[in-house]
């Protein structure tokens, strides 16, 4: 049995993680964490998630909530992730991080923590299908070469805070690496005005927002006479939650290190 603590347990992803953990035969909910000011503090995480009473109250104390856990799964806000990770490591837990938009300095700190013996899975998208898309796009960019223009289009619900999405950013990084480009210098984030002809060594990045779209990502490879499009569309947050739980199972026996979902799925 793998014991899981969910950080961000009262959020949309957190509630799905609580429900799916409670329904799995090889998992058990060890703890549930939310900010100290959250109005649901002290309430049963299972009732909040709609799966019935589990005897696990929502707490603000990460260390206490992680004490009896094997793995924590963090879908909280980016500003809190590094502190949460350190607290979970202090409780001897593996850590799965699904939060996006983390500062670069915090991502570097995760590498240091892993180098010091922590077990961490950090991925901009926990979906199995999206991670296969990462792999396919890298291969396509290498095979097609620089005669194909690359454009990335993502769409999410109208409440999403960051743009482009962490998934789209990771796609851009993979594509840039495959084409020996710089994501920072060779990406055009939208276009407006008289921008001139499209440079060959450019990756276009476009963020759409509207409605309740869970997450759509399309990579377009276009050249004279043909166009290849690779698309992933998420219809439910369960695809991300199930991927996070798969990562938790992976960490139960993993050696210390900083992993991503490519490692979890054996795609590296």
Protein backbone atom coordinates (compact mmCIF):
# COMPACT_ATOMS: atom_id res chain seq x y z
CA UNK A 1 0.00 0.00 0.00
CA UNK A 2 1.32 3.44 -0.99
CA UNK A 3 0.26 6.23 1.33
CA UNK A 4 -0.35 9.58 -0.36
CA UNK A 5 -0.57 13.14 0.97
CA UNK A 6 -2.26 15.64 -1.33
CA UNK A 7 -1.14 19.28 -1.19
CA UNK A 8 -3.80 21.57 -2.60
CA UNK A 9 -6.44 19.01 -1.61
CA UNK A 10 -9.44 21.35 -1.84
CA UNK A 11 -8.64 22.58 -5.36
CA UNK A 12 -10.04 21.15 -8.57
CA UNK A 13 -7.10 18.81 -9.13
CA UNK A 14 -6.71 18.08 -5.43
CA UNK A 15 -10.27 16.86 -5.07
CA UNK A 16 -9.90 14.52 -8.05
CA UNK A 17 -6.66 13.17 -6.56
CA UNK A 18 -8.37 12.53 -3.22
CA UNK A 19 -11.25 10.73 -4.93
CA UNK A 20 -9.02 8.59 -7.17
CA UNK A 21 -6.66 7.76 -4.30
CA UNK A 22 -9.58 6.67 -2.14
CA UNK A 23 -10.87 4.43 -4.94
CA UNK A 24 -7.56 2.70 -5.70
CA UNK A 25 -6.78 -0.69 -4.17
CA UNK A 26 -3.03 0.00 -3.83
CA UNK A 27 -3.25 3.57 -2.50
CA UNK A 28 -4.39 5.20 0.74
CA UNK A 29 -4.86 8.86 1.66
CA UNK A 30 -2.43 9.75 4.45
CA UNK A 31 -2.90 13.51 4.55
CA UNK A 32 -4.52 16.53 2.93
CA UNK A 33 -3.06 20.05 2.94
CA UNK A 34 -4.37 23.52 2.14
CA UNK A 35 -3.29 27.06 3.02
CA UNK A 36 -3.82 28.05 6.64
CA UNK A 37 -6.36 30.68 5.57
CA UNK A 38 -8.43 28.27 3.46
CA UNK A 39 -12.08 28.20 4.61
CA UNK A 40 -12.19 24.37 4.48
CA UNK A 41 -9.42 23.91 7.05
CA UNK A 42 -10.27 21.05 9.43
CA UNK A 43 -12.93 19.50 7.24
CA UNK A 44 -12.73 15.91 6.01
CA UNK A 45 -10.92 15.73 2.66
CA UNK A 46 -13.12 12.89 1.43
CA UNK A 47 -16.33 14.78 2.07
CA UNK A 48 -14.93 17.84 0.29
CA UNK A 49 -13.95 15.64 -2.68
CA UNK A 50 -17.40 14.02 -2.77
CA UNK A 51 -16.23 10.46 -2.05
CA UNK A 52 -17.41 10.14 1.55
CA UNK A 53 -15.74 10.50 4.92
CA UNK A 54 -12.12 9.28 4.95
CA UNK A 55 -11.05 10.40 8.42
CA UNK A 56 -8.38 12.71 6.95
CA UNK A 57 -8.92 16.36 7.91
CA UNK A 58 -7.50 19.16 5.78
CA UNK A 59 -4.47 20.69 7.53
CA UNK A 60 -1.96 23.48 6.92
CA UNK A 61 0.98 21.49 8.36
CA UNK A 62 2.83 19.77 5.49
CA UNK A 63 5.31 17.96 7.73
CA UNK A 64 2.59 16.54 9.98
CA UNK A 65 0.42 15.56 7.02
CA UNK A 66 3.38 13.85 5.33
CA UNK A 67 4.68 12.03 8.41
CA UNK A 68 2.87 8.78 7.65
CA UNK A 69 3.03 9.16 3.85
CA UNK A 70 5.28 7.59 1.25
CA UNK A 71 4.72 10.32 -1.37
CA UNK A 72 3.26 13.83 -1.46
CA UNK A 73 1.54 15.14 -4.59
CA UNK A 74 1.60 18.93 -4.92
CA UNK A 75 -0.84 20.84 -7.12
CA UNK A 76 -0.77 24.01 -5.02
CA UNK A 77 0.37 27.49 -6.09
CA UNK A 78 3.86 27.88 -7.53
CA UNK A 79 5.09 30.23 -4.78
CA UNK A 80 4.62 27.52 -2.14
CA UNK A 81 5.98 24.47 -3.95
CA UNK A 82 9.63 24.72 -2.92
CA UNK A 83 8.78 25.14 0.78
CA UNK A 84 6.28 22.29 0.54
CA UNK A 85 8.91 20.09 -1.10
CA UNK A 86 11.44 20.77 1.64
CA UNK A 87 8.84 19.95 4.28
CA UNK A 88 7.91 16.71 2.55
CA UNK A 89 11.58 15.72 2.23
CA UNK A 90 11.99 16.39 5.96
CA UNK A 91 9.25 13.79 6.48
CA UNK A 92 11.19 11.35 4.26
CA UNK A 93 8.63 11.47 1.44
CA UNK A 94 9.00 11.28 -2.28
CA UNK A 95 7.50 14.33 -4.01
CA UNK A 96 5.36 14.62 -7.15
CA UNK A 97 4.98 18.21 -8.42
CA UNK A 98 2.33 19.06 -10.98
CA UNK A 99 2.26 22.81 -10.36
CA UNK A 100 3.39 24.93 -13.33
CA UNK A 101 4.94 28.41 -13.63
CA UNK A 102 7.59 27.81 -10.97
CA UNK A 103 10.41 30.38 -10.93
CA UNK A 104 13.67 29.25 -12.55
CA UNK A 105 15.51 29.59 -9.23
CA UNK A 106 13.04 27.21 -7.57
CA UNK A 107 13.48 24.67 -10.38
CA UNK A 108 17.23 24.84 -9.85
CA UNK A 109 16.68 24.29 -6.12
CA UNK A 110 14.75 21.10 -6.94
CA UNK A 111 17.82 19.79 -8.77
CA UNK A 112 19.93 20.51 -5.69
CA UNK A 113 17.48 18.74 -3.40
CA UNK A 114 17.48 15.71 -5.69
CA UNK A 115 21.27 15.76 -5.74
CA UNK A 116 21.20 15.67 -1.95
CA UNK A 117 19.11 12.49 -1.94
CA UNK A 118 15.48 13.50 -2.53
CA UNK A 119 13.14 11.61 -4.86
CA UNK A 120 11.19 14.09 -7.00
CA UNK A 121 9.02 13.88 -10.11
CA UNK A 122 8.48 17.35 -11.60
CA UNK A 123 6.53 17.64 -14.84
CA UNK A 124 4.64 20.49 -16.52
CA UNK A 125 1.95 17.99 -17.50
CA UNK A 126 1.19 14.65 -15.86
CA UNK A 127 -0.93 13.30 -18.72
CA UNK A 128 0.34 10.09 -20.29
CA UNK A 129 -0.89 11.25 -23.71
CA UNK A 130 0.80 14.65 -23.45
CA UNK A 131 4.09 13.04 -22.52
CA UNK A 132 3.85 10.82 -25.57
CA UNK A 133 3.19 14.03 -27.54
CA UNK A 134 6.45 15.45 -26.15
CA UNK A 135 8.31 12.41 -27.47
CA UNK A 136 6.61 12.45 -30.88
CA UNK A 137 7.17 16.18 -31.40
CA UNK A 138 10.87 15.90 -30.68
CA UNK A 139 11.17 13.06 -33.18
CA UNK A 140 9.12 14.90 -35.80
CA UNK A 141 11.19 18.08 -35.48
CA UNK A 142 14.41 16.13 -35.98
CA UNK A 143 13.12 14.15 -38.96
CA UNK A 144 11.42 17.06 -40.75
CA UNK A 145 14.29 19.51 -40.29
CA UNK A 146 14.39 23.27 -40.79
CA UNK A 147 12.40 23.30 -44.03
CA UNK A 148 9.24 22.93 -41.88
CA UNK A 149 7.91 25.93 -39.93
CA UNK A 150 6.80 25.13 -36.37
CA UNK A 151 3.84 26.72 -34.60
CA UNK A 152 2.49 25.77 -31.16
CA UNK A 153 -1.13 26.58 -30.26
CA UNK A 154 -2.60 25.95 -26.81
CA UNK A 155 -6.06 26.67 -25.38
CA UNK A 156 -7.24 26.58 -21.78
CA UNK A 157 -10.20 27.73 -19.67
CA UNK A 158 -10.73 31.40 -19.00
CA UNK A 159 -9.52 31.17 -15.39
CA UNK A 160 -5.98 29.98 -16.16
CA UNK A 161 -3.43 32.42 -14.76
CA UNK A 162 -0.23 31.76 -16.74
CA UNK A 163 0.49 31.92 -20.47
CA UNK A 164 1.77 30.11 -22.34
CA UNK A 165 0.87 26.97 -20.43
CA UNK A 166 3.66 24.97 -18.82
CA UNK A 167 2.93 22.22 -21.33
CA UNK A 168 3.26 24.56 -24.31
CA UNK A 169 6.48 25.95 -22.89
CA UNK A 170 7.87 22.43 -22.52
CA UNK A 171 6.83 21.63 -26.09
CA UNK A 172 8.68 24.74 -27.23
CA UNK A 173 11.80 23.69 -25.34
CA UNK A 174 11.70 20.19 -26.83
CA UNK A 175 11.20 21.56 -30.34
CA UNK A 176 13.99 24.10 -29.93
CA UNK A 177 16.39 21.44 -28.69
CA UNK A 178 15.52 19.14 -31.60
CA UNK A 179 16.18 21.96 -34.08
CA UNK A 180 19.27 23.24 -32.24
CA UNK A 181 17.56 26.55 -31.50
CA UNK A 182 17.16 28.62 -28.32
CA UNK A 183 13.68 28.57 -26.80
CA UNK A 184 14.31 31.93 -25.14
CA UNK A 185 15.64 33.67 -28.25
CA UNK A 186 13.88 31.92 -31.14
CA UNK A 187 10.29 31.81 -29.89
CA UNK A 188 7.72 34.34 -31.13
CA UNK A 189 4.92 34.71 -28.58
CA UNK A 190 2.05 35.81 -30.79
CA UNK A 191 2.40 38.30 -33.63
CA UNK A 192 1.03 41.79 -34.16
CA UNK A 193 1.65 44.54 -36.69
CA UNK A 194 4.08 44.55 -39.59
CA UNK A 195 6.34 41.77 -38.38
CA UNK A 196 7.66 40.89 -41.83
CA UNK A 197 8.17 37.46 -43.35
CA UNK A 198 8.43 34.57 -40.95
CA UNK A 199 12.06 33.67 -40.15
CA UNK A 200 12.93 30.05 -40.82
CA UNK A 201 14.45 29.51 -37.38
CA UNK A 202 11.43 30.60 -35.37
CA UNK A 203 8.95 28.73 -33.18
CA UNK A 204 5.55 30.42 -33.00
CA UNK A 205 3.71 30.23 -29.66
CA UNK A 206 0.05 31.15 -29.28
CA UNK A 207 -2.13 31.03 -26.13
CA UNK A 208 -5.93 30.97 -26.39
CA UNK A 209 -8.26 31.34 -23.40
CA UNK A 210 -11.99 30.69 -23.20
CA UNK A 211 -14.81 28.77 -21.59
CA UNK A 212 -14.03 25.64 -19.60
CA UNK A 213 -11.41 24.05 -21.87
CA UNK A 214 -9.33 21.66 -19.76
CA UNK A 215 -6.33 21.79 -22.08
CA UNK A 216 -5.69 21.54 -25.84
CA UNK A 217 -2.22 21.56 -27.43
CA UNK A 218 -1.39 21.41 -31.14
CA UNK A 219 2.01 21.52 -32.80
CA UNK A 220 1.95 22.41 -36.51
CA UNK A 221 4.81 21.50 -38.87
CA UNK A 222 4.21 23.33 -42.18
CA UNK A 223 6.16 23.40 -45.44
CA UNK A 224 5.41 23.88 -49.12
CA UNK A 225 2.74 21.40 -50.15
CA UNK A 226 1.99 19.76 -46.80
CA UNK A 227 1.27 20.26 -43.12
CA UNK A 228 1.59 17.85 -40.20
CA UNK A 229 -0.34 18.51 -37.00
CA UNK A 230 0.07 16.67 -33.72
CA UNK A 231 -2.71 17.37 -31.21
CA UNK A 232 -3.63 16.37 -27.68
CA UNK A 233 -6.97 17.34 -26.13
CA UNK A 234 -7.76 16.73 -22.47
CA UNK A 235 -11.44 16.25 -21.72
CA UNK A 236 -11.10 15.64 -17.98
CA UNK A 237 -8.70 16.53 -15.20
CA UNK A 238 -8.61 12.84 -14.37
CA UNK A 239 -6.00 12.37 -17.09
CA UNK A 240 -3.60 14.57 -15.08
CA UNK A 241 -4.59 13.08 -11.73
CA UNK A 242 -4.09 9.51 -12.95
CA UNK A 243 -0.68 10.47 -14.33
CA UNK A 244 0.31 11.99 -10.97
CA UNK A 245 -0.72 8.80 -9.19
CA UNK A 246 1.33 6.80 -11.69
CA UNK A 247 4.29 9.03 -10.80
CA UNK A 248 3.66 8.37 -7.09
CA UNK A 249 3.79 4.63 -7.71
CA UNK A 250 7.06 5.13 -9.62
CA UNK A 251 8.62 7.06 -6.71
CA UNK A 252 7.79 4.35 -4.19
CA UNK A 253 10.80 2.34 -5.44
CA UNK A 254 12.82 4.98 -7.34
CA UNK A 255 16.37 5.91 -6.41
CA UNK A 256 17.10 9.53 -5.41
CA UNK A 257 16.93 11.91 -8.35
CA UNK A 258 14.90 14.52 -10.23
CA UNK A 259 12.61 12.78 -12.71
CA UNK A 260 9.93 13.82 -15.18
CA UNK A 261 7.03 11.90 -16.70
CA UNK A 262 9.25 10.70 -19.55
CA UNK A 263 11.17 8.75 -16.90
CA UNK A 264 7.98 7.51 -15.25
CA UNK A 265 6.66 6.20 -18.58
CA UNK A 266 9.99 4.76 -19.76
CA UNK A 267 10.15 7.11 -22.76
CA UNK A 268 13.73 8.31 -22.15
